[in-house]
């Protein structure tokens, strides 16, 4: 349904990409330039017209004629003009906790759909608290986490549940995502992680939110008990014949999947429990790798938390605007395998997989296709029961429309009985 606010405003653009000069912003612009259908009006935006134009000049074909908009997260007037001009805004400007809320609020107020690639639980919680009601009133769909965080997790759980229900096999029970991946890290990701670490260290309330398994639930008081705790343990998983280590984004992705389930009125199941781990292989090599992954993650977050070590972290890891090389992006990949035992005792699995560095090459595809879902197929996209808009998730705002678009881009997304 089109928002009442959106029908009043003249929308000059179908999609505006805000943050086009950033590392992921450039990759997303390239994806849109190659795959946007004819007739869909795209504009690029950022703080510096000259820098945005320089990015535009590198794009192929008709994208070199895309309009350029100037906007800054600290300038409310420029953000409002940007949001009022667009049907859908893509934001790649992070850390989102530092720069993202003004744009989300503006999109919610004027009925503009919005997608981003955040993995910051505190930002999303504040977005819900401040803008859920306004977005629901105007019909704006605010869709966070439309990249590697958390589309593989969210769509994997969705298609798994749909397959189980379609085959009359009951509901999802204990469900584990096993991630295998090859990819790099960008300076923007590092900056986001440091920002959230600082917030958690400085504020006990925010620390409690970050550790809450149901931090993003729309109805926290009525969530079921018995959900798995976040764990940094190394384990052997017989069902996949592999050792497992902590997965770096599990503490975020699990919150998104649980929010989807709650928004869908717990359609995944009354006994649904969900966790994510990283698969490292069998034998002693897999075990050693699992302990190595756990150690590196512990040292990394420990170093980020210790202010005297911050200069070392900044020297070792990429700076904002930097990221993996083109070769690294092309040779990266990921495979998320979700395994469940249903309430009838049946075993099912879903797989979400793609070629390309998961956090950058694959994320640019996921983010761009999420925006195109809303720009060209909005009426076909689902909404949770009782909602006209709001702060949503990929599964509840885009659903199988996004599944089909990603399959068309070479992604594997499937579910089956095992």
Protein backbone atom coordinates (compact mmCIF):
# COMPACT_ATOMS: atom_id res chain seq x y z
CA UNK A 1 0.00 0.00 0.00
CA UNK A 2 1.33 3.45 -0.85
CA UNK A 3 1.73 5.76 2.13
CA UNK A 4 -0.61 8.71 2.50
CA UNK A 5 2.35 11.03 2.82
CA UNK A 6 4.08 9.54 -0.22
CA UNK A 7 1.09 10.14 -2.48
CA UNK A 8 1.15 13.88 -1.76
CA UNK A 9 4.82 14.39 -2.58
CA UNK A 10 6.27 14.40 -6.07
CA UNK A 11 8.93 11.71 -6.21
CA UNK A 12 11.56 12.58 -8.79
CA UNK A 13 13.60 9.43 -8.15
CA UNK A 14 12.72 5.79 -7.61
CA UNK A 15 15.97 5.10 -5.75
CA UNK A 16 18.49 7.43 -4.13
CA UNK A 17 21.78 5.87 -3.03
CA UNK A 18 23.11 7.91 -0.10
CA UNK A 19 26.78 7.29 0.65
CA UNK A 20 27.78 6.58 -2.94
CA UNK A 21 31.43 7.52 -2.31
CA UNK A 22 31.99 4.94 0.45
CA UNK A 23 33.48 1.50 -0.16
CA UNK A 24 30.19 -0.43 -0.23
CA UNK A 25 28.41 2.59 -1.71
CA UNK A 26 30.56 2.42 -4.83
CA UNK A 27 29.98 -1.32 -5.19
CA UNK A 28 26.23 -0.82 -4.80
CA UNK A 29 26.26 1.94 -7.41
CA UNK A 30 28.05 -0.42 -9.81
CA UNK A 31 25.46 -3.13 -9.19
CA UNK A 32 22.57 -0.74 -9.79
CA UNK A 33 24.21 0.59 -12.94
CA UNK A 34 24.34 -2.93 -14.39
CA UNK A 35 21.04 -4.35 -13.18
CA UNK A 36 18.48 -1.56 -12.77
CA UNK A 37 15.61 -2.09 -15.23
CA UNK A 38 15.03 0.52 -17.90
CA UNK A 39 12.80 3.31 -16.71
CA UNK A 40 13.78 3.09 -13.02
CA UNK A 41 15.11 6.49 -11.98
CA UNK A 42 18.26 6.36 -9.82
CA UNK A 43 20.18 9.22 -8.19
CA UNK A 44 23.42 9.26 -6.22
CA UNK A 45 23.94 11.31 -3.06
CA UNK A 46 26.67 12.28 -0.64
CA UNK A 47 28.24 15.20 1.18
CA UNK A 48 30.51 16.28 -1.69
CA UNK A 49 29.07 16.84 -5.16
CA UNK A 50 32.51 16.57 -6.73
CA UNK A 51 33.23 13.20 -5.08
CA UNK A 52 29.83 11.77 -5.99
CA UNK A 53 30.25 12.95 -9.58
CA UNK A 54 33.67 11.26 -9.67
CA UNK A 55 32.04 7.97 -8.67
CA UNK A 56 29.28 8.46 -11.23
CA UNK A 57 31.88 9.01 -13.97
CA UNK A 58 33.24 5.49 -13.37
CA UNK A 59 29.86 3.81 -13.90
CA UNK A 60 28.86 2.18 -17.19
CA UNK A 61 26.24 3.28 -19.71
CA UNK A 62 23.27 5.42 -18.80
CA UNK A 63 24.34 5.60 -15.14
CA UNK A 64 26.72 8.41 -16.10
CA UNK A 65 23.63 10.59 -16.52
CA UNK A 66 22.18 9.84 -13.08
CA UNK A 67 21.38 12.98 -11.03
CA UNK A 68 23.60 13.88 -8.08
CA UNK A 69 22.18 15.14 -4.78
CA UNK A 70 24.09 16.76 -1.93
CA UNK A 71 23.08 15.87 1.63
CA UNK A 72 24.70 15.66 5.05
CA UNK A 73 23.56 13.75 8.12
CA UNK A 74 23.96 16.91 10.21
CA UNK A 75 21.80 19.02 7.85
CA UNK A 76 18.12 18.28 8.44
CA UNK A 77 16.96 20.36 5.48
CA UNK A 78 19.17 18.47 3.02
CA UNK A 79 18.06 15.09 4.38
CA UNK A 80 14.41 16.06 4.07
CA UNK A 81 14.89 17.17 0.47
CA UNK A 82 16.65 13.89 -0.30
CA UNK A 83 13.94 11.76 1.34
CA UNK A 84 11.07 13.68 -0.26
CA UNK A 85 12.60 13.20 -3.70
CA UNK A 86 12.77 9.41 -3.47
CA UNK A 87 10.53 6.38 -3.32
CA UNK A 88 13.37 4.37 -1.77
CA UNK A 89 16.55 5.54 -0.05
CA UNK A 90 19.58 3.26 0.29
CA UNK A 91 21.96 4.30 3.07
CA UNK A 92 25.54 3.03 3.29
CA UNK A 93 26.63 5.83 5.63
CA UNK A 94 27.96 4.36 8.87
CA UNK A 95 28.63 3.93 11.67
CA UNK A 96 24.85 4.11 11.73
CA UNK A 97 24.66 4.87 15.45
CA UNK A 98 26.68 8.02 14.73
CA UNK A 99 25.21 9.12 11.40
CA UNK A 100 22.12 7.07 10.60
CA UNK A 101 19.19 8.07 12.81
CA UNK A 102 18.37 11.49 11.28
CA UNK A 103 17.86 9.96 7.84
CA UNK A 104 15.76 7.08 9.20
CA UNK A 105 13.58 9.55 11.06
CA UNK A 106 13.14 11.74 8.01
CA UNK A 107 12.20 8.79 5.79
CA UNK A 108 9.69 7.61 8.40
CA UNK A 109 8.15 11.10 8.61
CA UNK A 110 7.69 11.61 4.86
CA UNK A 111 6.69 8.04 3.94
CA UNK A 112 9.86 7.08 2.07
CA UNK A 113 11.02 3.46 2.07
CA UNK A 114 14.54 2.92 3.38
CA UNK A 115 17.14 0.10 3.29
CA UNK A 116 20.60 -0.16 4.81
CA UNK A 117 23.26 -2.73 5.71
CA UNK A 118 23.68 -2.10 9.42
CA UNK A 119 24.84 -4.75 11.87
CA UNK A 120 24.46 -2.48 14.91
CA UNK A 121 21.87 -3.77 17.38
CA UNK A 122 21.79 -0.56 19.44
CA UNK A 123 21.08 1.54 16.35
CA UNK A 124 18.23 -0.71 15.27
CA UNK A 125 16.75 -0.75 18.77
CA UNK A 126 16.76 3.05 18.86
CA UNK A 127 15.32 3.18 15.35
CA UNK A 128 12.42 0.99 16.51
CA UNK A 129 11.83 2.99 19.68
CA UNK A 130 11.85 6.36 17.93
CA UNK A 131 10.36 5.70 14.51
CA UNK A 132 8.19 2.56 14.50
CA UNK A 133 4.93 4.40 15.14
CA UNK A 134 5.68 7.20 12.68
CA UNK A 135 6.69 4.80 9.92
CA UNK A 136 3.57 2.71 10.52
CA UNK A 137 1.46 5.87 10.23
CA UNK A 138 3.02 7.07 6.98
CA UNK A 139 3.45 3.60 5.47
CA UNK A 140 7.24 3.88 5.21
CA UNK A 141 9.06 0.55 5.21
CA UNK A 142 12.27 0.95 7.18
CA UNK A 143 14.25 -2.18 6.38
CA UNK A 144 17.52 -2.55 8.24
CA UNK A 145 20.22 -5.17 7.64
CA UNK A 146 19.87 -5.80 3.90
CA UNK A 147 23.41 -7.11 3.41
CA UNK A 148 25.42 -10.09 4.67
CA UNK A 149 23.97 -8.91 7.98
CA UNK A 150 21.35 -10.30 7.95
CA UNK A 151 19.80 -11.49 4.67
CA UNK A 152 21.30 -15.03 4.59
CA UNK A 153 20.09 -15.65 8.15
CA UNK A 154 16.70 -13.99 7.74
CA UNK A 155 15.77 -15.46 4.35
CA UNK A 156 17.26 -18.82 5.29
CA UNK A 157 14.90 -19.08 8.27
CA UNK A 158 11.96 -17.84 6.19
CA UNK A 159 12.29 -20.37 3.35
CA UNK A 160 13.01 -23.14 5.85
CA UNK A 161 9.79 -22.41 7.72
CA UNK A 162 7.79 -22.14 4.51
CA UNK A 163 9.04 -25.54 3.28
CA UNK A 164 8.26 -27.23 6.60
CA UNK A 165 4.75 -25.77 6.69
CA UNK A 166 4.08 -26.55 3.02
CA UNK A 167 4.96 -30.21 3.60
CA UNK A 168 2.89 -30.48 6.79
CA UNK A 169 5.93 -31.31 8.90
CA UNK A 170 4.96 -29.16 11.88
CA UNK A 171 6.98 -26.15 13.05
CA UNK A 172 10.64 -25.25 13.36
CA UNK A 173 12.28 -26.45 16.55
CA UNK A 174 15.99 -26.21 17.41
CA UNK A 175 17.57 -24.46 14.41
CA UNK A 176 21.27 -23.80 13.85
CA UNK A 177 22.92 -21.82 11.06
CA UNK A 178 26.33 -23.17 10.04
CA UNK A 179 28.34 -20.52 8.17
CA UNK A 180 31.27 -21.14 5.86
CA UNK A 181 32.81 -18.11 4.23
CA UNK A 182 35.82 -16.47 2.67
CA UNK A 183 35.97 -12.71 2.86
CA UNK A 184 37.73 -9.58 4.03
CA UNK A 185 36.95 -6.58 6.19
CA UNK A 186 36.55 -2.88 5.42
CA UNK A 187 37.33 0.19 7.46
CA UNK A 188 33.65 1.01 7.73
CA UNK A 189 32.93 -2.32 9.42
CA UNK A 190 35.77 -1.72 11.87
CA UNK A 191 34.48 1.77 12.67
CA UNK A 192 30.97 0.43 13.31
CA UNK A 193 32.30 -2.25 15.64
CA UNK A 194 34.36 0.26 17.60
CA UNK A 195 31.40 2.62 17.94
CA UNK A 196 29.21 -0.11 19.39
CA UNK A 197 31.96 -1.29 21.74
CA UNK A 198 32.28 2.27 23.06
CA UNK A 199 28.51 2.54 23.58
CA UNK A 200 28.34 -0.73 25.49
CA UNK A 201 31.32 0.14 27.69
CA UNK A 202 29.96 3.57 28.58
CA UNK A 203 26.31 2.77 29.29
CA UNK A 204 24.99 -0.10 31.40
CA UNK A 205 21.52 0.18 29.83
CA UNK A 206 22.93 -0.18 26.34
CA UNK A 207 25.08 -3.08 27.50
CA UNK A 208 21.95 -4.83 28.75
CA UNK A 209 20.22 -4.28 25.39
CA UNK A 210 23.23 -5.59 23.45
CA UNK A 211 23.25 -8.79 25.53
CA UNK A 212 19.49 -9.36 25.39
CA UNK A 213 18.63 -12.29 23.09
CA UNK A 214 15.33 -10.58 22.22
CA UNK A 215 16.67 -7.03 22.06
CA UNK A 216 14.78 -6.29 18.83
CA UNK A 217 11.52 -8.05 19.66
CA UNK A 218 8.30 -6.05 19.25
CA UNK A 219 6.90 -7.80 22.34
CA UNK A 220 9.80 -8.64 24.63
CA UNK A 221 7.65 -9.58 27.62
CA UNK A 222 5.90 -12.39 25.74
CA UNK A 223 8.93 -14.04 24.16
CA UNK A 224 9.30 -17.72 25.07
CA UNK A 225 11.79 -18.87 27.67
CA UNK A 226 14.49 -21.41 26.93
CA UNK A 227 16.16 -19.65 23.96
CA UNK A 228 19.85 -20.50 23.53
CA UNK A 229 22.33 -18.11 25.05
CA UNK A 230 25.02 -16.49 22.96
CA UNK A 231 28.08 -18.69 23.21
CA UNK A 232 31.76 -18.41 22.34
CA UNK A 233 32.29 -22.16 22.78
CA UNK A 234 34.03 -24.47 20.32
CA UNK A 235 31.95 -27.59 19.62
CA UNK A 236 31.77 -30.57 17.32
CA UNK A 237 28.49 -30.74 15.35
CA UNK A 238 27.71 -34.35 14.32
CA UNK A 239 24.84 -33.33 12.03
CA UNK A 240 27.27 -31.55 9.69
CA UNK A 241 30.39 -33.56 10.67
CA UNK A 242 32.33 -30.41 11.46
CA UNK A 243 33.88 -28.48 14.30
CA UNK A 244 32.28 -25.11 14.91
CA UNK A 245 33.55 -21.79 16.23
CA UNK A 246 31.75 -18.60 17.24
CA UNK A 247 30.42 -16.69 14.23
CA UNK A 248 31.34 -13.03 14.37
CA UNK A 249 27.85 -11.73 13.53
CA UNK A 250 25.76 -14.28 15.41
CA UNK A 251 24.90 -11.88 18.24
CA UNK A 252 23.35 -9.55 15.69
CA UNK A 253 21.81 -11.88 13.13
CA UNK A 254 20.00 -13.95 15.75
CA UNK A 255 18.23 -10.79 16.97
CA UNK A 256 17.00 -10.02 13.45
CA UNK A 257 15.69 -13.56 12.90
CA UNK A 258 13.90 -13.47 16.26
CA UNK A 259 12.36 -10.09 15.37
CA UNK A 260 11.11 -11.54 12.08
CA UNK A 261 9.55 -14.47 13.89
CA UNK A 262 7.83 -12.17 16.39
CA UNK A 263 6.55 -9.79 13.69
CA UNK A 264 5.12 -12.83 11.93
CA UNK A 265 3.31 -13.73 15.17
CA UNK A 266 5.79 -16.54 15.88
CA UNK A 267 4.95 -18.35 12.66
CA UNK A 268 8.27 -20.25 12.78
CA UNK A 269 7.05 -22.18 15.80
CA UNK A 270 6.24 -22.03 19.49
CA UNK A 271 9.38 -24.06 20.30
CA UNK A 272 11.67 -22.32 17.79
CA UNK A 273 15.21 -21.79 19.10
CA UNK A 274 17.91 -20.26 16.93
CA UNK A 275 21.69 -19.89 16.98
CA UNK A 276 24.56 -19.34 14.52
CA UNK A 277 28.07 -20.78 14.41
CA UNK A 278 30.97 -20.88 11.97
CA UNK A 279 31.82 -24.22 10.42
CA UNK A 280 35.57 -25.00 10.36
CA UNK A 281 35.79 -28.59 9.10
CA UNK A 282 36.31 -32.05 10.51
CA UNK A 283 39.31 -33.78 12.07
CA UNK A 284 42.07 -32.21 14.05
CA UNK A 285 42.53 -29.47 11.44
CA UNK A 286 38.93 -28.34 11.91
CA UNK A 287 39.34 -28.39 15.67
CA UNK A 288 42.52 -26.31 15.56
CA UNK A 289 40.90 -23.85 13.16
CA UNK A 290 37.86 -23.51 15.42
CA UNK A 291 39.99 -22.65 18.44
CA UNK A 292 42.01 -20.27 16.27
CA UNK A 293 38.85 -18.45 15.12
CA UNK A 294 37.60 -18.20 18.71
CA UNK A 295 40.94 -16.84 19.83
CA UNK A 296 41.20 -14.24 17.10
CA UNK A 297 37.66 -12.99 17.78
CA UNK A 298 38.36 -12.76 21.50
CA UNK A 299 41.61 -10.88 20.96
CA UNK A 300 40.05 -8.58 18.38
CA UNK A 301 37.13 -7.47 20.50
CA UNK A 302 39.37 -7.29 23.54
CA UNK A 303 41.75 -4.97 21.70
CA UNK A 304 38.84 -2.77 20.54
CA UNK A 305 37.63 -2.53 24.13
CA UNK A 306 41.02 -1.46 25.49
CA UNK A 307 41.61 2.18 24.58
CA UNK A 308 45.43 1.94 24.83
CA UNK A 309 45.30 -0.72 22.09
CA UNK A 310 43.09 1.28 19.71
CA UNK A 311 46.05 2.78 17.79
CA UNK A 312 47.35 -0.75 17.16
CA UNK A 313 43.93 -1.88 15.91
CA UNK A 314 43.70 1.10 13.58
CA UNK A 315 47.15 0.41 12.15
CA UNK A 316 46.47 -3.28 11.55
CA UNK A 317 42.91 -3.05 10.19
CA UNK A 318 41.63 -1.01 7.20
CA UNK A 319 40.68 2.66 7.55
CA UNK A 320 37.21 3.97 6.63
CA UNK A 321 36.86 3.98 2.85
CA UNK A 322 39.23 1.04 2.40
CA UNK A 323 38.34 -2.61 1.89
CA UNK A 324 39.23 -5.86 0.12
CA UNK A 325 40.86 -5.77 -3.33
CA UNK A 326 38.90 -6.57 -6.46
CA UNK A 327 40.55 -10.00 -6.62
CA UNK A 328 39.62 -10.72 -3.00
CA UNK A 329 36.04 -9.59 -3.62
CA UNK A 330 35.74 -11.81 -6.70
CA UNK A 331 37.18 -14.92 -5.02
CA UNK A 332 35.20 -14.62 -1.80
CA UNK A 333 32.09 -16.65 -1.09
CA UNK A 334 29.69 -17.75 1.62
CA UNK A 335 27.36 -20.64 2.36
CA UNK A 336 24.82 -20.50 5.18
CA UNK A 337 23.27 -23.88 5.98
CA UNK A 338 20.36 -23.87 8.44
CA UNK A 339 19.49 -27.22 10.00
CA UNK A 340 16.36 -27.83 12.04
CA UNK A 341 14.43 -30.61 13.73
CA UNK A 342 10.71 -29.90 13.44
CA UNK A 343 7.98 -30.46 16.00
CA UNK A 344 7.13 -33.74 14.23
CA UNK A 345 10.74 -34.95 14.45
CA UNK A 346 11.61 -34.38 10.79
CA UNK A 347 15.00 -32.98 9.75
CA UNK A 348 15.10 -30.10 7.25
CA UNK A 349 17.71 -27.72 5.99
CA UNK A 350 17.90 -24.52 3.97
CA UNK A 351 20.90 -23.13 2.12
CA UNK A 352 21.68 -19.52 1.21
CA UNK A 353 24.93 -19.20 -0.75
CA UNK A 354 26.65 -16.90 -3.22
CA UNK A 355 29.95 -16.19 -4.89
CA UNK A 356 31.74 -12.95 -4.01
CA UNK A 357 33.14 -11.51 -0.80
CA UNK A 358 30.16 -11.78 1.55
CA UNK A 359 30.48 -8.38 3.23
CA UNK A 360 31.15 -6.40 0.05
CA UNK A 361 30.59 -7.97 -3.39
CA UNK A 362 27.64 -10.11 -2.25
CA UNK A 363 26.36 -7.41 0.09
CA UNK A 364 26.21 -4.88 -2.76
CA UNK A 365 23.97 -7.30 -4.66
CA UNK A 366 21.73 -7.94 -1.67
CA UNK A 367 21.42 -4.24 -0.83
CA UNK A 368 20.78 -3.15 -4.40
CA UNK A 369 18.19 -5.88 -5.00
CA UNK A 370 16.44 -5.02 -1.72
CA UNK A 371 15.97 -1.46 -2.94
CA UNK A 372 14.79 -2.67 -6.34
CA UNK A 373 12.18 -4.88 -4.64
CA UNK A 374 10.58 -1.78 -3.14
CA UNK A 375 11.12 0.39 -6.21
CA UNK A 376 9.58 -1.95 -8.80
CA UNK A 377 7.66 -4.68 -6.90
CA UNK A 378 6.45 -2.99 -3.73
CA UNK A 379 2.85 -4.15 -4.05
CA UNK A 380 4.04 -7.75 -4.25
CA UNK A 381 6.22 -7.48 -1.13
CA UNK A 382 4.71 -8.84 2.08
CA UNK A 383 3.92 -7.01 5.30
CA UNK A 384 3.52 -8.49 8.79
CA UNK A 385 -0.07 -8.91 9.97
CA UNK A 386 -1.66 -5.66 11.06
CA UNK A 387 1.10 -3.36 9.78
CA UNK A 388 1.06 -0.82 6.94
CA UNK A 389 4.71 0.05 7.46
CA UNK A 390 7.26 0.35 10.24
CA UNK A 391 10.76 -0.76 11.20
CA UNK A 392 10.89 -4.18 9.55
CA UNK A 393 13.33 -6.92 8.53
CA UNK A 394 14.22 -8.34 5.11
CA UNK A 395 12.02 -11.40 5.68
CA UNK A 396 8.99 -9.38 6.78
CA UNK A 397 9.27 -6.48 4.30
CA UNK A 398 10.67 -8.19 1.19
CA UNK A 399 10.20 -11.92 1.67
CA UNK A 400 10.02 -14.20 -1.35
CA UNK A 401 10.12 -11.24 -3.75
CA UNK A 402 13.73 -10.72 -2.67
CA UNK A 403 14.37 -14.47 -2.73
CA UNK A 404 13.39 -14.56 -6.40
CA UNK A 405 15.47 -11.50 -7.29
CA UNK A 406 18.56 -12.92 -5.60
CA UNK A 407 18.12 -16.26 -7.34
CA UNK A 408 18.07 -14.35 -10.62
CA UNK A 409 21.44 -12.87 -9.61
CA UNK A 410 23.00 -16.30 -9.09
CA UNK A 411 22.31 -16.86 -5.39
CA UNK A 412 21.39 -20.31 -4.14
CA UNK A 413 18.34 -20.12 -1.84
CA UNK A 414 16.62 -23.44 -1.23
CA UNK A 415 15.09 -25.65 1.44
CA UNK A 416 14.64 -29.43 1.60
CA UNK A 417 14.05 -32.39 3.86
CA UNK A 418 17.21 -34.28 4.88
